[in-house]
Amino acid sequence: MIETRTVFVVGAGASHEAGLPIGSELTKAIARRLAINSNNGLDQRTTDRTIAQALHIITQGQTAVYIRAAQDIKAAMPLAPSIDNFLDAHKNNEEVIQLGKLAISASILHAERESSLYVDTSNSYNTIAFSKLEATWFVRLWHILSTGVETTNVDKIFSNVSFVVFNYDRCIEQFLSHALNVYFKIGFLRAQQIMGTLMIIHPYGKVGELYNPDGAVGFGEDLNHQKLVTVAKKIKTFTEQTNNNPEQEEVYSTIERADKIVFLGFAYHPINMKLLTSGRKSCAQKVYGTSLGMSDSDAAVVRERIKNLLEEGTGLSRLGQINLAGSASYIEPALLQGTCFQLFNDYSQSIGQ
């Protein structure tokens, strides 16, 4: 069990260990889904027939405009750092935003279905093949969470844990709910109830709630076009996130209260770091993170961004310890040039404190 208030800030690199796409792979998938064949009718004009059918709901007679938007998105994807960046650049183009969200939703649900976390729900006894996840951070996290926990106090397993997840997928929810059930033999209904005690914030939204009795979207579910339209509306652009998101204060307060912050598969882009910054002091005393593929120069930039995040607005957080002479002696964030799995291998004792 994790002993101090710990926030995991999760990016695409974390889900990648279960087989989901990182940003460049997602843009390629979206380009494929929005490929145009101008010789056929609307139902044939994208490589994703569900998206084509969904367009009938949203076009309202503006078919040509949406076809043009699909062509524009497909053409730009090789240039886009991420689909989020592209949609933010075109935030005033309603057709681009709607098509982008449809393609994101369809692509993420397909990726969930192809991942090592997918479960065939045709049999209620089926569960995740955890042996396929032994070399991932998911299992290493579980080792930390479950240590010292018994069936009598399993309800407290997430007492000091929160997640801020910048991904649209539900990998963490899927893994932890099945792990609770299999490890503690408590039944899936109780596992879901315990999951309800865990704070998981998706600043950009997600492709549906896994266990919502009023309209759950199964992990990797193959949606019809009507449900895809509904799910796509849950996805947020950066502008929508900042202008109309009641969860933003939860992000701020979660970061502020944390004793420890762990960045997993996170790219530390300024646009996302800004979403973590409230301008108020953070209590964080320890910071860990992955920096896979970064040069020493880029890692230094990231350290500065983390420092600014924790000190924004007040000049000094608990990350900076005051020595007897009254000057600040900063604790450097521990950045590992490796995967999330390697981070947990190297810092499991520190993260578990």
Foldseek 3Di string as FASTA:
>chain_A
DFDAAEEEEEAPLQCVLQPADHFLVLLQQLLQQLAADVVDDQCPGGPDNLLSVLCVVVCVPVSVLLNVLSVVSNVCSVVDPGLLRVCVVVVVRVSNLLSSLLSLLQRQLQRLCVTQQDWDPPPVPTGGPCVSCPLHLLVLVVVLLCVPDALVRVLCSQVNYAYEYQDQADSNVSSQLRCCCVVHVPDSVVSVVSVVVYHYHHLQFHQAACDDPVDGDHRSDDDHNVSSSVSSVRGHHLVCSVPPNPCLVVLQVSQQAGQEYEYARDPLPVSVLVSNADQDAHQHQAYEYEDAPDDPVVVVVSQVSVQCRRCRNPNDHNQWDQDPVRDTDGDTYHYHRDHSSVRSVVCVVVSRD
